[in-house]
Amino acid sequence: MRVRLAGLELVNPIIAASGTFGYGVEFEEIVSLERIGGFVTKGISLQPMAGHAAPRIVQTAAGMLNAIGLQNVGVQDYIERKLPPLKRYPLCKVIVNVFGCTVGEYVSVIERLNKAEGIAAYELNVSCPNVHAGGMAFGADPSSLEYLVGRAKTASRRPLIVKLSPNVTSIANMAKIAAGAGADAVSLTNTFLAMSIDVETRMPRLSNVTGGLSGPAIKPIALRMVYEAACAVTIPILGMGGIVTAEDAVEFLLAGATAVQVGTASYADPRATERLARSLESWCRSHGVEKVSSLTGALEMPKE
């Protein structure tokens, strides 16, 4: 079940996605952390962020809409309080999601994290649709993405994963830009920009008006984007978007992903990541797959 991702060896390809697994320590009494490949923290910024006012989450058909606004404790508090307890789980890779409103803020967060122990990699958040500066503003503009990734890679002492936005014209082109600027891997997709309206009050259901759509509803689109990115770049891909079952995970692997991230499923079942790790192993056994890594990019195309 082991896979290699940007120089890291994971015990399996199941990773808990950013924003759905807290800082990791919140789940240690619920999930056996060393039975999943790793997890990605909430987005960490230079200073603490309060996020948006409630309501911030809305249930949708086959998914959910959120506009949390990257609420987090800030990089210094994260290093001092949230990171140390995770040393108890050396097999579980800690990937820190890094966010900034400016290029300088992204770089400053990375430089501070460089001095901390117990971090395996960084995930550069250039795709959050729920903030007014940073995030998708970088991920939707090719030149801004190239510059930011280049600066972040220069500053980073650890593998750099770039989390791409699906709210672009060509995901393949953005993946190429990230790879060319030095990304060690890309993760996709983040949530899709969306909204919901209460017809009784005639008001948006989210205080931020718009938010990010996630869950099974987006899976076919996310899967297509992973496939397109995999055709465009040679660096590893972390696929995500509506993964609930082992079969969902296998689809993303066949499309070209090296590993997958599980997010919204953890809201319905806090043990979803561990359950998926077990069920994926069972699926491989029942289908005669000796190495889960052999599934990556093994999609068979229709004959002409």
C-alpha atoms as a PDB file:
ATOM      1  CA  MET A   1       0.000   0.000   0.000  1.00  0.00           C
ATOM      2  CA  ARG A   2       3.024   2.293   0.174  1.00  0.00           C
ATOM      3  CA  VAL A   3       3.422   5.073  -2.377  1.00  0.00           C
ATOM      4  CA  ARG A   4       6.099   7.674  -3.021  1.00  0.00           C
ATOM      5  CA  LEU A   5       5.070  11.282  -3.406  1.00  0.00           C
ATOM      6  CA  ALA A   6       7.559  14.093  -4.056  1.00  0.00           C
ATOM      7  CA  GLY A   7      10.292  12.223  -2.203  1.00  0.00           C
ATOM      8  CA  LEU A   8       8.023  11.168   0.673  1.00  0.00           C
ATOM      9  CA  GLU A   9       7.061   7.576   1.403  1.00  0.00           C
ATOM     10  CA  LEU A  10       3.451   7.231   2.561  1.00  0.00           C
ATOM     11  CA  VAL A  11       2.098   4.112   4.275  1.00  0.00           C
ATOM     12  CA  ASN A  12      -0.869   4.334   1.889  1.00  0.00           C
ATOM     13  CA  PRO A  13      -2.249   6.870  -0.601  1.00  0.00           C
ATOM     14  CA  ILE A  14      -5.072   8.175   1.623  1.00  0.00           C
ATOM     15  CA  ILE A  15      -4.531  11.733   2.927  1.00  0.00           C
ATOM     16  CA  ALA A  16      -6.984  13.890   4.883  1.00  0.00           C
ATOM     17  CA  ALA A  17      -7.628  17.137   3.017  1.00  0.00           C
ATOM     18  CA  SER A  18      -6.995  20.647   4.291  1.00  0.00           C
ATOM     19  CA  GLY A  19      -9.811  22.348   6.131  1.00  0.00           C
ATOM     20  CA  THR A  20     -11.542  19.094   7.029  1.00  0.00           C
ATOM     21  CA  PHE A  21      -9.080  17.611   9.538  1.00  0.00           C
ATOM     22  CA  GLY A  22      -8.234  20.601  11.722  1.00  0.00           C
ATOM     23  CA  TYR A  23      -4.578  20.607  12.730  1.00  0.00           C
ATOM     24  CA  GLY A  24      -4.560  16.802  13.038  1.00  0.00           C
ATOM     25  CA  VAL A  25      -4.462  16.653  16.840  1.00  0.00           C
ATOM     26  CA  GLU A  26      -8.255  17.066  16.991  1.00  0.00           C
ATOM     27  CA  PHE A  27      -8.665  13.674  15.304  1.00  0.00           C
ATOM     28  CA  GLU A  28      -6.128  11.611  17.246  1.00  0.00           C
ATOM     29  CA  GLU A  29      -8.803  10.049  19.485  1.00  0.00           C
ATOM     30  CA  ILE A  30     -11.053   9.300  16.504  1.00  0.00           C
ATOM     31  CA  VAL A  31      -8.679   8.181  13.750  1.00  0.00           C
ATOM     32  CA  SER A  32      -5.588   5.987  14.056  1.00  0.00           C
ATOM     33  CA  LEU A  33      -3.323   8.544  12.438  1.00  0.00           C
ATOM     34  CA  GLU A  34      -0.597   6.055  11.549  1.00  0.00           C
ATOM     35  CA  ARG A  35      -3.085   4.075   9.460  1.00  0.00           C
ATOM     36  CA  ILE A  36      -3.451   6.879   6.928  1.00  0.00           C
ATOM     37  CA  GLY A  37      -0.789   8.264   4.642  1.00  0.00           C
ATOM     38  CA  GLY A  38      -0.973  11.724   6.152  1.00  0.00           C
ATOM     39  CA  PHE A  39      -3.079  14.819   6.486  1.00  0.00           C
ATOM     40  CA  VAL A  40      -3.019  18.445   5.354  1.00  0.00           C
ATOM     41  CA  THR A  41      -3.544  21.098   8.005  1.00  0.00           C
ATOM     42  CA  LYS A  42      -5.969  23.978   7.855  1.00  0.00           C
ATOM     43  CA  GLY A  43      -4.533  26.877   5.896  1.00  0.00           C
ATOM     44  CA  ILE A  44      -1.832  28.538   8.015  1.00  0.00           C
ATOM     45  CA  SER A  45      -1.280  32.282   7.613  1.00  0.00           C
ATOM     46  CA  LEU A  46       1.317  34.703   8.980  1.00  0.00           C
ATOM     47  CA  GLN A  47      -1.125  36.144  11.525  1.00  0.00           C
ATOM     48  CA  PRO A  48      -4.256  34.555  13.070  1.00  0.00           C
ATOM     49  CA  MET A  49      -7.406  34.873  10.971  1.00  0.00           C
ATOM     50  CA  ALA A  50     -10.949  34.905  12.358  1.00  0.00           C
ATOM     51  CA  GLY A  51     -12.615  33.781   9.142  1.00  0.00           C
ATOM     52  CA  HIS A  52     -16.068  34.805   7.978  1.00  0.00           C
ATOM     53  CA  ALA A  53     -19.157  35.318  10.104  1.00  0.00           C
ATOM     54  CA  ALA A  54     -21.771  32.558  10.359  1.00  0.00           C
ATOM     55  CA  PRO A  55     -23.469  30.987   8.513  1.00  0.00           C
ATOM     56  CA  ARG A  56     -20.360  29.520   6.895  1.00  0.00           C
ATOM     57  CA  ILE A  57     -21.513  26.031   5.831  1.00  0.00           C
ATOM     58  CA  VAL A  58     -24.578  25.030   3.803  1.00  0.00           C
ATOM     59  CA  GLN A  59     -25.645  21.531   2.839  1.00  0.00           C
ATOM     60  CA  THR A  60     -26.265  21.029  -0.879  1.00  0.00           C
ATOM     61  CA  ALA A  61     -27.450  18.168  -3.054  1.00  0.00           C
ATOM     62  CA  ALA A  62     -24.633  15.581  -2.924  1.00  0.00           C
ATOM     63  CA  GLY A  63     -22.237  17.931  -1.189  1.00  0.00           C
ATOM     64  CA  MET A  64     -21.701  21.057   0.834  1.00  0.00           C
ATOM     65  CA  LEU A  65     -20.940  24.732   0.359  1.00  0.00           C
ATOM     66  CA  ASN A  66     -18.487  26.456   2.684  1.00  0.00           C
ATOM     67  CA  ALA A  67     -17.047  29.907   3.209  1.00  0.00           C
ATOM     68  CA  ILE A  68     -14.982  29.470   6.374  1.00  0.00           C
ATOM     69  CA  GLY A  69     -12.554  32.173   5.299  1.00  0.00           C
ATOM     70  CA  LEU A  70      -9.368  30.348   6.322  1.00  0.00           C
ATOM     71  CA  GLN A  71      -9.851  30.748  10.057  1.00  0.00           C
ATOM     72  CA  ASN A  72      -6.609  29.668  11.746  1.00  0.00           C
ATOM     73  CA  VAL A  73      -4.356  30.336  14.746  1.00  0.00           C
ATOM     74  CA  GLY A  74      -1.439  31.771  12.764  1.00  0.00           C
ATOM     75  CA  VAL A  75       1.957  30.249  12.074  1.00  0.00           C
ATOM     76  CA  GLN A  76       3.612  30.967  15.421  1.00  0.00           C
ATOM     77  CA  ASP A  77       0.834  29.484  17.524  1.00  0.00           C
ATOM     78  CA  TYR A  78       0.667  26.509  15.170  1.00  0.00           C
ATOM     79  CA  ILE A  79       4.378  25.791  15.628  1.00  0.00           C
ATOM     80  CA  GLU A  80       4.241  26.207  19.412  1.00  0.00           C
ATOM     81  CA  ARG A  81       0.979  24.420  20.260  1.00  0.00           C
ATOM     82  CA  LYS A  82      -0.479  22.408  17.395  1.00  0.00           C
ATOM     83  CA  LEU A  83       2.569  20.761  15.839  1.00  0.00           C
ATOM     84  CA  PRO A  84       4.492  19.239  18.824  1.00  0.00           C
ATOM     85  CA  PRO A  85       1.872  16.591  19.823  1.00  0.00           C
ATOM     86  CA  LEU A  86       2.049  15.064  16.338  1.00  0.00           C
ATOM     87  CA  LYS A  87       5.549  13.749  17.014  1.00  0.00           C
ATOM     88  CA  ARG A  88       3.739  10.764  18.533  1.00  0.00           C
ATOM     89  CA  TYR A  89       2.781   9.654  15.017  1.00  0.00           C
ATOM     90  CA  PRO A  90       5.970   9.487  12.923  1.00  0.00           C
ATOM     91  CA  LEU A  91       4.390   7.383  10.156  1.00  0.00           C
ATOM     92  CA  CYS A  92       1.669   9.938   9.462  1.00  0.00           C
ATOM     93  CA  LYS A  93       3.013  12.670   7.193  1.00  0.00           C
ATOM     94  CA  VAL A  94       2.139  16.208   8.264  1.00  0.00           C
ATOM     95  CA  ILE A  95       1.625  18.501   5.270  1.00  0.00           C
ATOM     96  CA  VAL A  96       1.106  22.159   6.149  1.00  0.00           C
ATOM     97  CA  ASN A  97      -1.241  24.177   3.952  1.00  0.00           C
ATOM     98  CA  VAL A  98       0.336  27.622   3.523  1.00  0.00           C
ATOM     99  CA  PHE A  99      -1.669  30.758   2.798  1.00  0.00           C
ATOM    100  CA  GLY A 100      -0.895  34.445   2.365  1.00  0.00           C
ATOM    101  CA  CYS A 101      -2.517  37.600   1.044  1.00  0.00           C
ATOM    102  CA  THR A 102       0.756  38.627  -0.627  1.00  0.00           C
ATOM    103  CA  VAL A 103       3.774  36.786  -1.993  1.00  0.00           C
ATOM    104  CA  GLY A 104       5.797  38.098   0.925  1.00  0.00           C
ATOM    105  CA  GLU A 105       3.362  36.605   3.424  1.00  0.00           C
ATOM    106  CA  TYR A 106       3.511  33.175   1.763  1.00  0.00           C
ATOM    107  CA  VAL A 107       7.308  33.285   1.884  1.00  0.00           C
ATOM    108  CA  SER A 108       7.364  34.459   5.516  1.00  0.00           C
ATOM    109  CA  VAL A 109       5.100  31.588   6.605  1.00  0.00           C
ATOM    110  CA  ILE A 110       7.325  29.063   4.828  1.00  0.00           C
ATOM    111  CA  GLU A 111      10.492  30.529   6.333  1.00  0.00           C
ATOM    112  CA  ARG A 112       9.061  30.204   9.836  1.00  0.00           C
ATOM    113  CA  LEU A 113       7.864  26.657   9.199  1.00  0.00           C
ATOM    114  CA  ASN A 114      11.319  25.715   7.868  1.00  0.00           C
ATOM    115  CA  LYS A 115      12.669  25.999  11.419  1.00  0.00           C
ATOM    116  CA  ALA A 116      10.051  23.635  12.881  1.00  0.00           C
ATOM    117  CA  GLU A 117      10.435  19.865  13.196  1.00  0.00           C
ATOM    118  CA  GLY A 118       7.896  17.234  12.212  1.00  0.00           C
ATOM    119  CA  ILE A 119       6.659  18.705   8.934  1.00  0.00           C
ATOM    120  CA  ALA A 120       6.923  16.564   5.787  1.00  0.00           C
ATOM    121  CA  ALA A 121       5.894  19.036   3.080  1.00  0.00           C
ATOM    122  CA  TYR A 122       4.044  22.253   2.297  1.00  0.00           C
ATOM    123  CA  GLU A 123       0.855  22.613   0.276  1.00  0.00           C
ATOM    124  CA  LEU A 124       0.710  26.061  -1.283  1.00  0.00           C
ATOM    125  CA  ASN A 125      -2.879  27.289  -1.190  1.00  0.00           C
ATOM    126  CA  VAL A 126      -3.366  29.247  -4.397  1.00  0.00           C
ATOM    127  CA  SER A 127      -6.974  28.187  -4.855  1.00  0.00           C
ATOM    128  CA  CYS A 128      -9.189  29.181  -1.915  1.00  0.00           C
ATOM    129  CA  PRO A 129     -12.287  30.924  -3.374  1.00  0.00           C
ATOM    130  CA  ASN A 130     -13.469  32.262  -0.014  1.00  0.00           C
ATOM    131  CA  VAL A 131     -11.041  35.113   0.695  1.00  0.00           C
ATOM    132  CA  HIS A 132     -10.775  38.600  -0.767  1.00  0.00           C
ATOM    133  CA  ALA A 133      -6.984  38.577  -1.222  1.00  0.00           C
ATOM    134  CA  GLY A 134      -4.538  35.777  -1.982  1.00  0.00           C
ATOM    135  CA  GLY A 135      -5.764  32.254  -2.687  1.00  0.00           C
ATOM    136  CA  MET A 136      -7.573  32.026  -6.013  1.00  0.00           C
ATOM    137  CA  ALA A 137      -6.273  35.467  -6.989  1.00  0.00           C
ATOM    138  CA  PHE A 138      -2.884  33.794  -7.505  1.00  0.00           C
ATOM    139  CA  GLY A 139      -4.142  30.444  -8.783  1.00  0.00           C
ATOM    140  CA  ALA A 140      -6.301  31.895 -11.550  1.00  0.00           C
ATOM    141  CA  ASP A 141      -3.591  34.105 -13.093  1.00  0.00           C
ATOM    142  CA  PRO A 142      -0.728  32.306 -14.898  1.00  0.00           C
ATOM    143  CA  SER A 143       1.968  34.934 -14.323  1.00  0.00           C
ATOM    144  CA  SER A 144       1.037  35.410 -10.652  1.00  0.00           C
ATOM    145  CA  LEU A 145       1.068  31.647 -10.113  1.00  0.00           C
ATOM    146  CA  GLU A 146       4.466  31.268 -11.751  1.00  0.00           C
ATOM    147  CA  TYR A 147       6.007  34.045  -9.680  1.00  0.00           C
ATOM    148  CA  LEU A 148       4.539  32.843  -6.383  1.00  0.00           C
ATOM    149  CA  VAL A 149       5.521  29.210  -6.885  1.00  0.00           C
ATOM    150  CA  GLY A 150       9.038  30.228  -7.861  1.00  0.00           C
ATOM    151  CA  ARG A 151       9.464  32.381  -4.761  1.00  0.00           C
ATOM    152  CA  ALA A 152       7.944  29.723  -2.502  1.00  0.00           C
ATOM    153  CA  LYS A 153      10.150  26.987  -3.942  1.00  0.00           C
ATOM    154  CA  THR A 154      13.260  29.083  -3.386  1.00  0.00           C
ATOM    155  CA  ALA A 155      12.274  29.657   0.246  1.00  0.00           C
ATOM    156  CA  SER A 156      11.170  26.089   0.985  1.00  0.00           C
ATOM    157  CA  ARG A 157      13.402  23.478   2.598  1.00  0.00           C
ATOM    158  CA  ARG A 158      10.749  20.810   2.088  1.00  0.00           C
ATOM    159  CA  PRO A 159       8.777  19.412  -0.880  1.00  0.00           C
ATOM    160  CA  LEU A 160       6.339  21.955  -2.270  1.00  0.00           C
ATOM    161  CA  ILE A 161       2.877  20.844  -3.375  1.00  0.00           C
ATOM    162  CA  VAL A 162       0.780  23.436  -5.200  1.00  0.00           C
ATOM    163  CA  LYS A 163      -2.992  23.207  -4.678  1.00  0.00           C
ATOM    164  CA  LEU A 164      -4.575  24.296  -7.939  1.00  0.00           C
ATOM    165  CA  SER A 165      -7.895  26.048  -8.442  1.00  0.00           C
ATOM    166  CA  PRO A 166     -10.539  24.409 -10.643  1.00  0.00           C
ATOM    167  CA  ASN A 167     -11.921  27.879 -11.408  1.00  0.00           C
ATOM    168  CA  VAL A 168      -9.669  28.328 -14.448  1.00  0.00           C
ATOM    169  CA  THR A 169      -9.935  27.925 -18.212  1.00  0.00           C
ATOM    170  CA  SER A 170      -7.255  25.215 -18.493  1.00  0.00           C
ATOM    171  CA  ILE A 171      -6.186  23.134 -15.506  1.00  0.00           C
ATOM    172  CA  ALA A 172      -3.528  21.463 -17.662  1.00  0.00           C
ATOM    173  CA  ASN A 173      -1.889  24.812 -18.406  1.00  0.00           C
ATOM    174  CA  MET A 174      -1.884  25.839 -14.733  1.00  0.00           C
ATOM    175  CA  ALA A 175      -0.360  22.481 -13.780  1.00  0.00           C
ATOM    176  CA  LYS A 176       2.385  23.025 -16.369  1.00  0.00           C
ATOM    177  CA  ILE A 177       3.085  26.495 -14.991  1.00  0.00           C
ATOM    178  CA  ALA A 178       3.328  25.186 -11.422  1.00  0.00           C
ATOM    179  CA  ALA A 179       5.638  22.362 -12.480  1.00  0.00           C
ATOM    180  CA  GLY A 180       7.808  24.700 -14.533  1.00  0.00           C
ATOM    181  CA  ALA A 181       8.156  27.078 -11.594  1.00  0.00           C
ATOM    182  CA  GLY A 182       9.462  24.317  -9.347  1.00  0.00           C
ATOM    183  CA  ALA A 183       6.480  22.545  -7.761  1.00  0.00           C
ATOM    184  CA  ASP A 184       7.321  19.028  -6.587  1.00  0.00           C
ATOM    185  CA  ALA A 185       3.679  17.968  -6.941  1.00  0.00           C
ATOM    186  CA  VAL A 186       0.240  19.468  -7.536  1.00  0.00           C
ATOM    187  CA  SER A 187      -3.017  18.785  -5.717  1.00  0.00           C
ATOM    188  CA  LEU A 188      -6.413  19.251  -7.343  1.00  0.00           C
ATOM    189  CA  THR A 189      -9.075  20.185  -7.185  1.00  0.00           C
ATOM    190  CA  ASN A 190     -10.002  22.694  -4.558  1.00  0.00           C
ATOM    191  CA  THR A 191     -13.663  23.664  -4.243  1.00  0.00           C
ATOM    192  CA  PHE A 192     -15.711  25.171  -7.067  1.00  0.00           C
ATOM    193  CA  LEU A 193     -16.974  28.729  -6.641  1.00  0.00           C
ATOM    194  CA  ALA A 194     -20.728  28.504  -6.011  1.00  0.00           C
ATOM    195  CA  MET A 195     -23.661  29.956  -4.069  1.00  0.00           C
ATOM    196  CA  SER A 196     -27.008  29.096  -2.490  1.00  0.00           C
ATOM    197  CA  ILE A 197     -30.092  31.304  -1.960  1.00  0.00           C
ATOM    198  CA  ASP A 198     -32.881  31.008   0.597  1.00  0.00           C
ATOM    199  CA  VAL A 199     -36.023  31.620  -1.458  1.00  0.00           C
ATOM    200  CA  GLU A 200     -38.093  32.488   1.630  1.00  0.00           C
ATOM    201  CA  THR A 201     -35.820  35.307   2.779  1.00  0.00           C
ATOM    202  CA  ARG A 202     -34.422  35.967  -0.729  1.00  0.00           C
ATOM    203  CA  MET A 203     -30.977  36.168   0.838  1.00  0.00           C
ATOM    204  CA  PRO A 204     -27.748  34.215   0.259  1.00  0.00           C
ATOM    205  CA  ARG A 205     -27.425  31.290   2.674  1.00  0.00           C
ATOM    206  CA  LEU A 206     -23.746  32.146   3.281  1.00  0.00           C
ATOM    207  CA  SER A 207     -22.680  35.370   4.986  1.00  0.00           C
ATOM    208  CA  ASN A 208     -19.938  35.650   2.355  1.00  0.00           C
ATOM    209  CA  VAL A 209     -22.589  35.277  -0.393  1.00  0.00           C
ATOM    210  CA  THR A 210     -20.455  32.793  -2.350  1.00  0.00           C
ATOM    211  CA  GLY A 211     -18.412  29.829  -1.193  1.00  0.00           C
ATOM    212  CA  GLY A 212     -16.698  26.645  -2.298  1.00  0.00           C
ATOM    213  CA  LEU A 213     -18.689  23.602  -3.440  1.00  0.00           C
ATOM    214  CA  SER A 214     -17.318  20.183  -2.481  1.00  0.00           C
ATOM    215  CA  GLY A 215     -18.516  16.603  -2.110  1.00  0.00           C
ATOM    216  CA  PRO A 216     -19.688  13.840  -4.498  1.00  0.00           C
ATOM    217  CA  ALA A 217     -21.399  16.403  -6.740  1.00  0.00           C
ATOM    218  CA  ILE A 218     -18.039  17.634  -8.044  1.00  0.00           C
ATOM    219  CA  LYS A 219     -16.333  14.247  -8.440  1.00  0.00           C
ATOM    220  CA  PRO A 220     -16.789  13.754 -12.214  1.00  0.00           C
ATOM    221  CA  ILE A 221     -15.436  17.248 -12.921  1.00  0.00           C
ATOM    222  CA  ALA A 222     -12.518  16.856 -10.498  1.00  0.00           C
ATOM    223  CA  LEU A 223     -11.701  13.460 -12.002  1.00  0.00           C
ATOM    224  CA  ARG A 224     -11.573  14.957 -15.495  1.00  0.00           C
ATOM    225  CA  MET A 225      -9.255  17.696 -14.278  1.00  0.00           C
ATOM    226  CA  VAL A 226      -6.889  15.212 -12.622  1.00  0.00           C
ATOM    227  CA  TYR A 227      -6.743  13.276 -15.875  1.00  0.00           C
ATOM    228  CA  GLU A 228      -5.990  16.429 -17.886  1.00  0.00           C
ATOM    229  CA  ALA A 229      -3.276  17.509 -15.439  1.00  0.00           C
ATOM    230  CA  ALA A 230      -1.727  14.043 -15.456  1.00  0.00           C
ATOM    231  CA  CYS A 231      -1.511  14.189 -19.240  1.00  0.00           C
ATOM    232  CA  ALA A 232       0.255  17.547 -19.022  1.00  0.00           C
ATOM    233  CA  VAL A 233       2.905  17.093 -16.294  1.00  0.00           C
ATOM    234  CA  THR A 234       5.259  14.422 -14.991  1.00  0.00           C
ATOM    235  CA  ILE A 235       5.298  15.515 -11.332  1.00  0.00           C
ATOM    236  CA  PRO A 236       3.008  13.600  -8.918  1.00  0.00           C
ATOM    237  CA  ILE A 237      -0.632  14.548  -8.542  1.00  0.00           C
ATOM    238  CA  LEU A 238      -2.821  14.409  -5.446  1.00  0.00           C
ATOM    239  CA  GLY A 239      -6.397  13.958  -6.579  1.00  0.00           C
ATOM    240  CA  MET A 240      -9.443  15.060  -4.623  1.00  0.00           C
ATOM    241  CA  GLY A 241     -13.087  15.907  -5.059  1.00  0.00           C
ATOM    242  CA  GLY A 242     -15.991  13.884  -3.704  1.00  0.00           C
ATOM    243  CA  ILE A 243     -14.086  10.749  -2.714  1.00  0.00           C
ATOM    244  CA  VAL A 244     -16.225   8.566  -0.423  1.00  0.00           C
ATOM    245  CA  THR A 245     -15.532   4.953  -1.382  1.00  0.00           C
ATOM    246  CA  ALA A 246     -12.508   2.850  -2.307  1.00  0.00           C
ATOM    247  CA  GLU A 247     -13.800   2.756  -5.871  1.00  0.00           C
ATOM    248  CA  ASP A 248     -13.788   6.569  -5.935  1.00  0.00           C
ATOM    249  CA  ALA A 249     -10.147   6.576  -4.862  1.00  0.00           C
ATOM    250  CA  VAL A 250      -9.247   3.978  -7.496  1.00  0.00           C
ATOM    251  CA  GLU A 251     -10.817   6.142 -10.203  1.00  0.00           C
ATOM    252  CA  PHE A 252      -8.547   9.040  -9.271  1.00  0.00           C
ATOM    253  CA  LEU A 253      -5.498   6.773  -9.215  1.00  0.00           C
ATOM    254  CA  LEU A 254      -6.336   5.370 -12.641  1.00  0.00           C
ATOM    255  CA  ALA A 255      -6.761   8.921 -13.938  1.00  0.00           C
ATOM    256  CA  GLY A 256      -3.179   9.669 -12.917  1.00  0.00           C
ATOM    257  CA  ALA A 257      -3.112  10.528  -9.221  1.00  0.00           C
ATOM    258  CA  THR A 258      -0.331   9.139  -7.027  1.00  0.00           C
ATOM    259  CA  ALA A 259      -2.374   9.707  -3.857  1.00  0.00           C
ATOM    260  CA  VAL A 260      -5.774  11.135  -2.963  1.00  0.00           C
ATOM    261  CA  GLN A 261      -7.148  13.553  -0.414  1.00  0.00           C
ATOM    262  CA  VAL A 262     -10.430  12.987   1.393  1.00  0.00           C
ATOM    263  CA  GLY A 263     -12.312  16.022   2.663  1.00  0.00           C
ATOM    264  CA  THR A 264     -16.086  16.402   2.788  1.00  0.00           C
ATOM    265  CA  ALA A 265     -16.556  12.701   3.628  1.00  0.00           C
ATOM    266  CA  SER A 266     -15.045  13.410   7.063  1.00  0.00           C
ATOM    267  CA  TYR A 267     -18.004  15.667   7.917  1.00  0.00           C
ATOM    268  CA  ALA A 268     -20.439  12.774   7.510  1.00  0.00           C
ATOM    269  CA  ASP A 269     -18.047  10.202   9.004  1.00  0.00           C
ATOM    270  CA  PRO A 270     -15.090  11.495  11.079  1.00  0.00           C
ATOM    271  CA  ARG A 271     -13.377   8.118  10.548  1.00  0.00           C
ATOM    272  CA  ALA A 272     -13.733   8.297   6.764  1.00  0.00           C
ATOM    273  CA  THR A 273      -9.997   8.482   6.040  1.00  0.00           C
ATOM    274  CA  GLU A 274      -9.113   5.405   8.095  1.00  0.00           C
ATOM    275  CA  ARG A 275     -12.130   3.519   6.713  1.00  0.00           C
ATOM    276  CA  LEU A 276     -11.057   4.348   3.172  1.00  0.00           C
ATOM    277  CA  ALA A 277      -7.480   3.221   3.802  1.00  0.00           C
ATOM    278  CA  ARG A 278      -8.783  -0.158   4.952  1.00  0.00           C
ATOM    279  CA  SER A 279     -11.323  -0.513   2.170  1.00  0.00           C
ATOM    280  CA  LEU A 280      -8.790   0.446  -0.510  1.00  0.00           C
ATOM    281  CA  GLU A 281      -6.457  -2.283   0.746  1.00  0.00           C
ATOM    282  CA  SER A 282      -9.347  -4.789   0.634  1.00  0.00           C
ATOM    283  CA  TRP A 283     -10.220  -3.662  -2.889  1.00  0.00           C
ATOM    284  CA  CYS A 284      -6.643  -4.225  -4.033  1.00  0.00           C
ATOM    285  CA  ARG A 285      -6.595  -7.708  -2.510  1.00  0.00           C
ATOM    286  CA  SER A 286      -9.892  -8.714  -4.093  1.00  0.00           C
ATOM    287  CA  HIS A 287      -8.754  -7.436  -7.500  1.00  0.00           C
ATOM    288  CA  GLY A 288      -5.280  -8.986  -7.439  1.00  0.00           C
ATOM    289  CA  VAL A 289      -3.469  -5.644  -7.234  1.00  0.00           C
ATOM    290  CA  GLU A 290      -0.140  -6.351  -5.512  1.00  0.00           C
ATOM    291  CA  LYS A 291       1.018  -2.726  -5.405  1.00  0.00           C
ATOM    292  CA  VAL A 292      -1.443   0.145  -5.181  1.00  0.00           C
ATOM    293  CA  SER A 293       1.109   2.328  -6.972  1.00  0.00           C
ATOM    294  CA  SER A 294       0.567   0.230 -10.107  1.00  0.00           C
ATOM    295  CA  LEU A 295      -2.895   1.785 -10.443  1.00  0.00           C
ATOM    296  CA  THR A 296      -1.538   5.293 -11.019  1.00  0.00           C
ATOM    297  CA  GLY A 297      -2.179   6.270 -14.626  1.00  0.00           C
ATOM    298  CA  ALA A 298      -3.308   2.738 -15.544  1.00  0.00           C
ATOM    299  CA  LEU A 299      -6.435   3.937 -17.319  1.00  0.00           C
ATOM    300  CA  GLU A 300      -7.145   1.902 -20.444  1.00  0.00           C
ATOM    301  CA  MET A 301      -8.398   4.016 -23.305  1.00  0.00           C
ATOM    302  CA  PRO A 302     -11.102   2.907 -25.762  1.00  0.00           C
ATOM    303  CA  LYS A 303      -9.772   1.423 -28.981  1.00  0.00           C
ATOM    304  CA  GLU A 304     -10.453   3.428 -32.110  1.00  0.00           C
END
